[in-house]
PDB file of N, CA and C in Angstrom:
ATOM      1  N   UNK A   1      18.120-113.592 -86.971  1.00  0.00           N
ATOM      2  CA  UNK A   1      17.852-114.923 -86.509  1.00  0.00           C
ATOM      3  C   UNK A   1      16.492-115.405 -87.010  1.00  0.00           C
ATOM      4  N   UNK A   2      15.408-114.755 -86.636  1.00  0.00           N
ATOM      5  CA  UNK A   2      14.070-115.144 -87.074  1.00  0.00           C
ATOM      6  C   UNK A   2      13.714-114.391 -88.340  1.00  0.00           C
ATOM      7  N   UNK A   3      13.151-115.114 -89.287  1.00  0.00           N
ATOM      8  CA  UNK A   3      12.685-114.491 -90.526  1.00  0.00           C
ATOM      9  C   UNK A   3      11.170-114.497 -90.536  1.00  0.00           C
ATOM     10  N   UNK A   4      10.576-113.455 -91.129  1.00  0.00           N
ATOM     11  CA  UNK A   4       9.111-113.473 -91.260  1.00  0.00           C
ATOM     12  C   UNK A   4       8.673-114.621 -92.172  1.00  0.00           C
ATOM     13  N   UNK A   5       7.504-115.161 -91.899  1.00  0.00           N
ATOM     14  CA  UNK A   5       6.974-116.287 -92.662  1.00  0.00           C
ATOM     15  C   UNK A   5       6.866-115.953 -94.145  1.00  0.00           C
ATOM     16  N   UNK A   6       6.522-114.707 -94.449  1.00  0.00           N
ATOM     17  CA  UNK A   6       6.402-114.271 -95.843  1.00  0.00           C
ATOM     18  C   UNK A   6       7.697-114.414 -96.624  1.00  0.00           C
ATOM     19  N   UNK A   7       8.825-114.387 -95.943  1.00  0.00           N
ATOM     20  CA  UNK A   7      10.113-114.566 -96.606  1.00  0.00           C
ATOM     21  C   UNK A   7      10.505-116.037 -96.717  1.00  0.00           C
ATOM     22  N   UNK A   8      10.033-116.849 -95.785  1.00  0.00           N
ATOM     23  CA  UNK A   8      10.395-118.266 -95.776  1.00  0.00           C
ATOM     24  C   UNK A   8       9.634-119.088 -96.817  1.00  0.00           C
ATOM     25  N   UNK A   9       8.375-118.754 -97.046  1.00  0.00           N
ATOM     26  CA  UNK A   9       7.543-119.552 -97.942  1.00  0.00           C
ATOM     27  C   UNK A   9       8.091-119.584 -99.369  1.00  0.00           C
ATOM     28  N   UNK A  10       8.416-118.423 -99.994  1.00  0.00           N
ATOM     29  CA  UNK A  10       8.945-118.509-101.364  1.00  0.00           C
ATOM     30  C   UNK A  10      10.215-119.355-101.468  1.00  0.00           C
ATOM     31  N   UNK A  11      11.093-119.254-100.481  1.00  0.00           N
ATOM     32  CA  UNK A  11      12.316-120.064-100.509  1.00  0.00           C
ATOM     33  C   UNK A  11      11.999-121.545-100.383  1.00  0.00           C
ATOM     34  N   UNK A  12      11.070-121.874 -99.497  1.00  0.00           N
ATOM     35  CA  UNK A  12      10.694-123.280 -99.300  1.00  0.00           C
ATOM     36  C   UNK A  12      10.039-123.863-100.544  1.00  0.00           C
ATOM     37  N   UNK A  13       9.183-123.070-101.178  1.00  0.00           N
ATOM     38  CA  UNK A  13       8.511-123.519-102.404  1.00  0.00           C
ATOM     39  C   UNK A  13       9.544-123.780-103.494  1.00  0.00           C
ATOM     40  N   UNK A  14      10.518-122.890-103.596  1.00  0.00           N
ATOM     41  CA  UNK A  14      11.567-123.036-104.600  1.00  0.00           C
ATOM     42  C   UNK A  14      12.409-124.287-104.327  1.00  0.00           C
ATOM     43  N   UNK A  15      12.791-124.486-103.058  1.00  0.00           N
ATOM     44  CA  UNK A  15      13.600-125.651-102.700  1.00  0.00           C
ATOM     45  C   UNK A  15      12.854-126.957-102.961  1.00  0.00           C
ATOM     46  N   UNK A  16      11.553-126.952-102.729  1.00  0.00           N
ATOM     47  CA  UNK A  16      10.746-128.166-102.927  1.00  0.00           C
ATOM     48  C   UNK A  16      10.500-128.460-104.405  1.00  0.00           C
ATOM     49  N   UNK A  17      10.802-127.504-105.276  1.00  0.00           N
ATOM     50  CA  UNK A  17      10.616-127.715-106.708  1.00  0.00           C
ATOM     51  C   UNK A  17       9.166-127.623-107.160  1.00  0.00           C
ATOM     52  N   UNK A  18       8.335-126.937-106.383  1.00  0.00           N
ATOM     53  CA  UNK A  18       6.913-126.833-106.733  1.00  0.00           C
ATOM     54  C   UNK A  18       6.522-125.405-107.099  1.00  0.00           C
ATOM     55  N   UNK A  19       7.500-124.581-107.420  1.00  0.00           N
ATOM     56  CA  UNK A  19       7.235-123.182-107.727  1.00  0.00           C
ATOM     57  C   UNK A  19       6.274-123.037-108.902  1.00  0.00           C
ATOM     58  N   UNK A  20       6.461-123.802-109.962  1.00  0.00           N
ATOM     59  CA  UNK A  20       5.590-123.700-111.125  1.00  0.00           C
ATOM     60  C   UNK A  20       4.169-124.144-110.787  1.00  0.00           C
ATOM     61  N   UNK A  21       4.032-125.210-110.022  1.00  0.00           N
ATOM     62  CA  UNK A  21       2.703-125.696-109.636  1.00  0.00           C
ATOM     63  C   UNK A  21       1.965-124.668-108.786  1.00  0.00           C
ATOM     64  N   UNK A  22       2.675-124.055-107.875  1.00  0.00           N
ATOM     65  CA  UNK A  22       2.064-123.030-107.023  1.00  0.00           C
ATOM     66  C   UNK A  22       1.665-121.827-107.872  1.00  0.00           C
ATOM     67  N   UNK A  23       2.531-121.443-108.797  1.00  0.00           N
ATOM     68  CA  UNK A  23       2.228-120.324-109.680  1.00  0.00           C
ATOM     69  C   UNK A  23       1.010-120.624-110.555  1.00  0.00           C
ATOM     70  N   UNK A  24       0.925-121.847-111.068  1.00  0.00           N
ATOM     71  CA  UNK A  24      -0.224-122.241-111.881  1.00  0.00           C
ATOM     72  C   UNK A  24      -1.517-122.165-111.072  1.00  0.00           C
ATOM     73  N   UNK A  25      -1.457-122.611-109.839  1.00  0.00           N
ATOM     74  CA  UNK A  25      -2.640-122.562-108.971  1.00  0.00           C
ATOM     75  C   UNK A  25      -3.056-121.117-108.704  1.00  0.00           C
ATOM     76  N   UNK A  26      -2.084-120.241-108.555  1.00  0.00           N
ATOM     77  CA  UNK A  26      -2.389-118.826-108.325  1.00  0.00           C
ATOM     78  C   UNK A  26      -3.048-118.203-109.555  1.00  0.00           C
ATOM     79  N   UNK A  27      -2.601-118.591-110.749  1.00  0.00           N
ATOM     80  CA  UNK A  27      -3.205-118.091-111.985  1.00  0.00           C
ATOM     81  C   UNK A  27      -4.659-118.556-112.067  1.00  0.00           C
ATOM     82  N   UNK A  28      -4.911-119.821-111.777  1.00  0.00           N
ATOM     83  CA  UNK A  28      -6.279-120.354-111.817  1.00  0.00           C
ATOM     84  C   UNK A  28      -7.175-119.643-110.803  1.00  0.00           C
ATOM     85  N   UNK A  29      -6.648-119.396-109.626  1.00  0.00           N
ATOM     86  CA  UNK A  29      -7.414-118.687-108.597  1.00  0.00           C
ATOM     87  C   UNK A  29      -7.720-117.256-109.042  1.00  0.00           C
ATOM     88  N   UNK A  30      -6.746-116.606-109.645  1.00  0.00           N
ATOM     89  CA  UNK A  30      -6.950-115.232-110.120  1.00  0.00           C
ATOM     90  C   UNK A  30      -7.998-115.197-111.229  1.00  0.00           C
ATOM     91  N   UNK A  31      -8.026-116.240-112.083  1.00  0.00           N
ATOM     92  CA  UNK A  31      -9.045-116.281-113.127  1.00  0.00           C
ATOM     93  C   UNK A  31     -10.443-116.244-112.513  1.00  0.00           C
ATOM     94  N   UNK A  32     -10.644-116.989-111.440  1.00  0.00           N
ATOM     95  CA  UNK A  32     -11.961-117.015-110.806  1.00  0.00           C
ATOM     96  C   UNK A  32     -12.366-115.620-110.330  1.00  0.00           C
ATOM     97  N   UNK A  33     -11.418-114.872-109.806  1.00  0.00           N
ATOM     98  CA  UNK A  33     -11.685-113.500-109.360  1.00  0.00           C
ATOM     99  C   UNK A  33     -12.040-112.606-110.555  1.00  0.00           C
ATOM    100  N   UNK A  34     -11.276-112.724-111.635  1.00  0.00           N
ATOM    101  CA  UNK A  34     -11.520-111.930-112.845  1.00  0.00           C
ATOM    102  C   UNK A  34     -12.879-112.285-113.445  1.00  0.00           C
ATOM    103  N   UNK A  35     -13.170-113.587-113.536  1.00  0.00           N
ATOM    104  CA  UNK A  35     -14.449-114.032-114.101  1.00  0.00           C
ATOM    105  C   UNK A  35     -15.619-113.507-113.279  1.00  0.00           C
ATOM    106  N   UNK A  36     -15.473-113.480-111.973  1.00  0.00           N
ATOM    107  CA  UNK A  36     -16.532-112.964-111.100  1.00  0.00           C
ATOM    108  C   UNK A  36     -16.796-111.490-111.397  1.00  0.00           C
ATOM    109  N   UNK A  37     -15.737-110.733-111.652  1.00  0.00           N
ATOM    110  CA  UNK A  37     -15.898-109.312-111.986  1.00  0.00           C
ATOM    111  C   UNK A  37     -16.575-109.117-113.339  1.00  0.00           C
ATOM    112  N   UNK A  38     -16.315-110.004-114.277  1.00  0.00           N
ATOM    113  CA  UNK A  38     -16.871-109.871-115.623  1.00  0.00           C
ATOM    114  C   UNK A  38     -18.289-110.439-115.695  1.00  0.00           C
ATOM    115  N   UNK A  39     -18.478-111.644-115.183  1.00  0.00           N
ATOM    116  CA  UNK A  39     -19.734-112.366-115.361  1.00  0.00           C
ATOM    117  C   UNK A  39     -20.698-112.257-114.191  1.00  0.00           C
ATOM    118  N   UNK A  40     -20.233-111.803-113.057  1.00  0.00           N
ATOM    119  CA  UNK A  40     -21.090-111.780-111.872  1.00  0.00           C
ATOM    120  C   UNK A  40     -21.397-113.199-111.423  1.00  0.00           C
ATOM    121  N   UNK A  41     -22.667-113.472-111.137  1.00  0.00           N
ATOM    122  CA  UNK A  41     -23.064-114.800-110.655  1.00  0.00           C
ATOM    123  C   UNK A  41     -22.851-115.899-111.694  1.00  0.00           C
ATOM    124  N   UNK A  42     -22.823-115.541-112.965  1.00  0.00           N
ATOM    125  CA  UNK A  42     -22.613-116.540-114.016  1.00  0.00           C
ATOM    126  C   UNK A  42     -21.201-117.120-113.974  1.00  0.00           C
ATOM    127  N   UNK A  43     -20.311-116.495-113.202  1.00  0.00           N
ATOM    128  CA  UNK A  43     -18.946-117.015-113.087  1.00  0.00           C
ATOM    129  C   UNK A  43     -18.923-118.391-112.430  1.00  0.00           C
ATOM    130  N   UNK A  44     -20.020-118.765-111.791  1.00  0.00           N
ATOM    131  CA  UNK A  44     -20.113-120.100-111.197  1.00  0.00           C
ATOM    132  C   UNK A  44     -20.166-121.182-112.271  1.00  0.00           C
ATOM    133  N   UNK A  45     -20.371-120.775-113.531  1.00  0.00           N
ATOM    134  CA  UNK A  45     -20.488-121.716-114.647  1.00  0.00           C
ATOM    135  C   UNK A  45     -19.184-121.888-115.417  1.00  0.00           C
ATOM    136  N   UNK A  46     -18.087-121.388-114.839  1.00  0.00           N
ATOM    137  CA  UNK A  46     -16.784-121.592-115.467  1.00  0.00           C
ATOM    138  C   UNK A  46     -15.739-121.789-114.380  1.00  0.00           C
ATOM    139  N   UNK A  47     -14.677-122.498-114.749  1.00  0.00           N
ATOM    140  CA  UNK A  47     -13.634-122.790-113.784  1.00  0.00           C
ATOM    141  C   UNK A  47     -12.312-123.011-114.521  1.00  0.00           C
ATOM    142  N   UNK A  48     -11.269-122.304-114.095  1.00  0.00           N
ATOM    143  CA  UNK A  48      -9.945-122.515-114.669  1.00  0.00           C
ATOM    144  C   UNK A  48      -9.439-123.886-114.238  1.00  0.00           C
ATOM    145  N   UNK A  49      -9.005-124.678-115.204  1.00  0.00           N
ATOM    146  CA  UNK A  49      -8.606-126.054-114.916  1.00  0.00           C
ATOM    147  C   UNK A  49      -7.092-126.176-114.792  1.00  0.00           C
ATOM    148  N   UNK A  50      -6.363-125.718-115.807  1.00  0.00           N
ATOM    149  CA  UNK A  50      -4.911-125.790-115.772  1.00  0.00           C
ATOM    150  C   UNK A  50      -4.325-124.827-116.791  1.00  0.00           C
ATOM    151  N   UNK A  51      -3.021-124.624-116.681  1.00  0.00           N
ATOM    152  CA  UNK A  51      -2.308-123.784-117.632  1.00  0.00           C
ATOM    153  C   UNK A  51      -1.178-124.613-118.232  1.00  0.00           C
ATOM    154  N   UNK A  52      -1.052-124.542-119.549  1.00  0.00           N
ATOM    155  CA  UNK A  52      -0.006-125.297-120.239  1.00  0.00           C
ATOM    156  C   UNK A  52       0.539-124.438-121.360  1.00  0.00           C
ATOM    157  N   UNK A  53       1.845-124.227-121.337  1.00  0.00           N
ATOM    158  CA  UNK A  53       2.543-123.455-122.360  1.00  0.00           C
ATOM    159  C   UNK A  53       1.885-122.100-122.594  1.00  0.00           C
ATOM    160  N   UNK A  54       1.515-121.435-121.524  1.00  0.00           N
ATOM    161  CA  UNK A  54       0.942-120.092-121.608  1.00  0.00           C
ATOM    162  C   UNK A  54      -0.541-120.040-121.918  1.00  0.00           C
ATOM    163  N   UNK A  55      -1.147-121.185-122.143  1.00  0.00           N
ATOM    164  CA  UNK A  55      -2.567-121.247-122.474  1.00  0.00           C
ATOM    165  C   UNK A  55      -3.358-121.689-121.246  1.00  0.00           C
ATOM    166  N   UNK A  56      -4.293-120.862-120.818  1.00  0.00           N
ATOM    167  CA  UNK A  56      -5.136-121.199-119.675  1.00  0.00           C
ATOM    168  C   UNK A  56      -6.380-121.904-120.178  1.00  0.00           C
ATOM    169  N   UNK A  57      -6.588-123.122-119.723  1.00  0.00           N
ATOM    170  CA  UNK A  57      -7.740-123.927-120.115  1.00  0.00           C
ATOM    171  C   UNK A  57      -8.853-123.713-119.098  1.00  0.00           C
ATOM    172  N   UNK A  58     -10.028-123.368-119.615  1.00  0.00           N
ATOM    173  CA  UNK A  58     -11.167-123.036-118.759  1.00  0.00           C
ATOM    174  C   UNK A  58     -12.338-123.941-119.114  1.00  0.00           C
ATOM    175  N   UNK A  59     -12.878-124.621-118.119  1.00  0.00           N
ATOM    176  CA  UNK A  59     -14.074-125.443-118.313  1.00  0.00           C
ATOM    177  C   UNK A  59     -15.293-124.536-118.149  1.00  0.00           C
ATOM    178  N   UNK A  60     -16.224-124.627-119.112  1.00  0.00           N
ATOM    179  CA  UNK A  60     -17.454-123.834-119.066  1.00  0.00           C
ATOM    180  C   UNK A  60     -18.648-124.764-119.254  1.00  0.00           C
ATOM    181  N   UNK A  61     -19.786-124.359-118.685  1.00  0.00           N
ATOM    182  CA  UNK A  61     -20.977-125.198-118.789  1.00  0.00           C
ATOM    183  C   UNK A  61     -21.786-124.951-120.051  1.00  0.00           C
ATOM    184  N   UNK A  62     -21.525-123.821-120.729  1.00  0.00           N
ATOM    185  CA  UNK A  62     -22.294-123.542-121.940  1.00  0.00           C
ATOM    186  C   UNK A  62     -21.487-122.669-122.889  1.00  0.00           C
ATOM    187  N   UNK A  63     -21.900-122.694-124.152  1.00  0.00           N
ATOM    188  CA  UNK A  63     -21.258-121.852-125.161  1.00  0.00           C
ATOM    189  C   UNK A  63     -21.456-120.376-124.872  1.00  0.00           C
ATOM    190  N   UNK A  64     -22.578-120.019-124.268  1.00  0.00           N
ATOM    191  CA  UNK A  64     -22.827-118.604-123.992  1.00  0.00           C
ATOM    192  C   UNK A  64     -21.806-118.039-122.998  1.00  0.00           C
ATOM    193  N   UNK A  65     -21.410-118.848-122.027  1.00  0.00           N
ATOM    194  CA  UNK A  65     -20.396-118.400-121.067  1.00  0.00           C
ATOM    195  C   UNK A  65     -19.050-118.252-121.767  1.00  0.00           C
ATOM    196  N   UNK A  66     -18.691-119.213-122.603  1.00  0.00           N
ATOM    197  CA  UNK A  66     -17.414-119.111-123.314  1.00  0.00           C
ATOM    198  C   UNK A  66     -17.421-117.932-124.280  1.00  0.00           C
ATOM    199  N   UNK A  67     -18.553-117.654-124.924  1.00  0.00           N
ATOM    200  CA  UNK A  67     -18.646-116.501-125.822  1.00  0.00           C
ATOM    201  C   UNK A  67     -18.467-115.193-125.063  1.00  0.00           C
ATOM    202  N   UNK A  68     -19.067-115.112-123.897  1.00  0.00           N
ATOM    203  CA  UNK A  68     -18.936-113.905-123.079  1.00  0.00           C
ATOM    204  C   UNK A  68     -17.480-113.703-122.650  1.00  0.00           C
ATOM    205  N   UNK A  69     -16.835-114.772-122.238  1.00  0.00           N
ATOM    206  CA  UNK A  69     -15.434-114.670-121.847  1.00  0.00           C
ATOM    207  C   UNK A  69     -14.546-114.332-123.039  1.00  0.00           C
ATOM    208  N   UNK A  70     -14.875-114.883-124.196  1.00  0.00           N
ATOM    209  CA  UNK A  70     -14.092-114.603-125.410  1.00  0.00           C
ATOM    210  C   UNK A  70     -14.146-113.117-125.761  1.00  0.00           C
ATOM    211  N   UNK A  71     -15.294-112.494-125.530  1.00  0.00           N
ATOM    212  CA  UNK A  71     -15.433-111.056-125.790  1.00  0.00           C
ATOM    213  C   UNK A  71     -14.442-110.261-124.938  1.00  0.00           C
ATOM    214  N   UNK A  72     -14.237-110.715-123.709  1.00  0.00           N
ATOM    215  CA  UNK A  72     -13.367-110.006-122.772  1.00  0.00           C
ATOM    216  C   UNK A  72     -11.965-110.612-122.676  1.00  0.00           C
ATOM    217  N   UNK A  73     -11.604-111.450-123.624  1.00  0.00           N
ATOM    218  CA  UNK A  73     -10.320-112.154-123.543  1.00  0.00           C
ATOM    219  C   UNK A  73      -9.134-111.203-123.416  1.00  0.00           C
ATOM    220  N   UNK A  74      -9.086-110.157-124.198  1.00  0.00           N
ATOM    221  CA  UNK A  74      -7.957-109.224-124.132  1.00  0.00           C
ATOM    222  C   UNK A  74      -7.870-108.539-122.775  1.00  0.00           C
ATOM    223  N   UNK A  75      -9.018-108.198-122.201  1.00  0.00           N
ATOM    224  CA  UNK A  75      -9.032-107.596-120.869  1.00  0.00           C
ATOM    225  C   UNK A  75      -8.540-108.590-119.815  1.00  0.00           C
ATOM    226  N   UNK A  76      -8.941-109.838-119.962  1.00  0.00           N
ATOM    227  CA  UNK A  76      -8.507-110.884-119.029  1.00  0.00           C
ATOM    228  C   UNK A  76      -6.995-111.074-119.127  1.00  0.00           C
ATOM    229  N   UNK A  77      -6.486-111.157-120.348  1.00  0.00           N
ATOM    230  CA  UNK A  77      -5.048-111.339-120.539  1.00  0.00           C
ATOM    231  C   UNK A  77      -4.266-110.144-119.996  1.00  0.00           C
ATOM    232  N   UNK A  78      -4.811-108.952-120.168  1.00  0.00           N
ATOM    233  CA  UNK A  78      -4.153-107.747-119.637  1.00  0.00           C
ATOM    234  C   UNK A  78      -4.091-107.805-118.108  1.00  0.00           C
ATOM    235  N   UNK A  79      -5.158-108.271-117.480  1.00  0.00           N
ATOM    236  CA  UNK A  79      -5.179-108.406-116.020  1.00  0.00           C
ATOM    237  C   UNK A  79      -4.107-109.403-115.563  1.00  0.00           C
ATOM    238  N   UNK A  80      -3.941-110.500-116.302  1.00  0.00           N
ATOM    239  CA  UNK A  80      -2.899-111.470-115.964  1.00  0.00           C
ATOM    240  C   UNK A  80      -1.510-110.865-116.146  1.00  0.00           C
ATOM    241  N   UNK A  81      -1.313-110.098-117.215  1.00  0.00           N
ATOM    242  CA  UNK A  81      -0.024-109.453-117.453  1.00  0.00           C
ATOM    243  C   UNK A  81       0.340-108.531-116.299  1.00  0.00           C
ATOM    244  N   UNK A  82      -0.645-107.783-115.806  1.00  0.00           N
ATOM    245  CA  UNK A  82      -0.394-106.846-114.714  1.00  0.00           C
ATOM    246  C   UNK A  82      -0.062-107.569-113.415  1.00  0.00           C
ATOM    247  N   UNK A  83      -0.693-108.698-113.194  1.00  0.00           N
ATOM    248  CA  UNK A  83      -0.505-109.432-111.933  1.00  0.00           C
ATOM    249  C   UNK A  83       0.713-110.350-111.960  1.00  0.00           C
ATOM    250  N   UNK A  84       0.931-111.063-113.089  1.00  0.00           N
ATOM    251  CA  UNK A  84       1.964-112.102-113.145  1.00  0.00           C
ATOM    252  C   UNK A  84       3.091-111.804-114.129  1.00  0.00           C
ATOM    253  N   UNK A  85       3.001-110.720-114.846  1.00  0.00           N
ATOM    254  CA  UNK A  85       4.010-110.403-115.846  1.00  0.00           C
ATOM    255  C   UNK A  85       3.600-110.909-117.218  1.00  0.00           C
ATOM    256  N   UNK A  86       4.164-110.271-118.222  1.00  0.00           N
ATOM    257  CA  UNK A  86       3.822-110.644-119.596  1.00  0.00           C
ATOM    258  C   UNK A  86       4.270-112.068-119.895  1.00  0.00           C
ATOM    259  N   UNK A  87       3.548-112.682-120.789  1.00  0.00           N
ATOM    260  CA  UNK A  87       3.847-114.025-121.289  1.00  0.00           C
ATOM    261  C   UNK A  87       3.513-115.146-120.305  1.00  0.00           C
ATOM    262  N   UNK A  88       2.994-114.859-119.131  1.00  0.00           N
ATOM    263  CA  UNK A  88       2.590-115.941-118.217  1.00  0.00           C
ATOM    264  C   UNK A  88       1.349-116.628-118.754  1.00  0.00           C
ATOM    265  N   UNK A  89       0.362-115.803-119.165  1.00  0.00           N
ATOM    266  CA  UNK A  89      -0.839-116.331-119.811  1.00  0.00           C
ATOM    267  C   UNK A  89      -0.973-115.593-121.135  1.00  0.00           C
ATOM    268  N   UNK A  90      -0.903-116.350-122.234  1.00  0.00           N
ATOM    269  CA  UNK A  90      -0.935-115.726-123.555  1.00  0.00           C
ATOM    270  C   UNK A  90      -2.237-115.960-124.295  1.00  0.00           C
ATOM    271  N   UNK A  91      -3.014-116.959-123.849  1.00  0.00           N
ATOM    272  CA  UNK A  91      -4.285-117.233-124.519  1.00  0.00           C
ATOM    273  C   UNK A  91      -5.216-118.018-123.584  1.00  0.00           C
ATOM    274  N   UNK A  92      -6.478-118.049-123.981  1.00  0.00           N
ATOM    275  CA  UNK A  92      -7.479-118.810-123.243  1.00  0.00           C
ATOM    276  C   UNK A  92      -8.072-119.850-124.175  1.00  0.00           C
ATOM    277  N   UNK A  93      -8.349-121.033-123.642  1.00  0.00           N
ATOM    278  CA  UNK A  93      -9.044-122.084-124.384  1.00  0.00           C
ATOM    279  C   UNK A  93     -10.204-122.540-123.525  1.00  0.00           C
ATOM    280  N   UNK A  94     -11.311-122.826-124.180  1.00  0.00           N
ATOM    281  CA  UNK A  94     -12.525-123.192-123.443  1.00  0.00           C
ATOM    282  C   UNK A  94     -12.923-124.633-123.730  1.00  0.00           C
ATOM    283  N   UNK A  95     -13.299-125.341-122.687  1.00  0.00           N
ATOM    284  CA  UNK A  95     -13.780-126.713-122.798  1.00  0.00           C
ATOM    285  C   UNK A  95     -15.257-126.708-122.385  1.00  0.00           C
ATOM    286  N   UNK A  96     -16.123-127.031-123.330  1.00  0.00           N
ATOM    287  CA  UNK A  96     -17.558-127.033-123.049  1.00  0.00           C
ATOM    288  C   UNK A  96     -17.985-128.421-122.628  1.00  0.00           C
TER     289      UNK A  96
END
């Protein structure tokens, strides 16, 4: 009769047709966690904006932040593969 809330939410999201939007938001949120692990306090200078066709667009305040993230791009993509499955995020693009 009663279902746990954890089971109802995915069904409701799917029925509402917002599954992709919710998934995109989760990817952006996960990027912030990954960036914090890589950059420490400097992660405040970057923010995942949106994902389109497997490419995660990240706004950065300086070239040095984008260069640092570019160095760790493969590690970041591997973290996304482990969390969301392969091909969810295939590349990163930076907007300075």
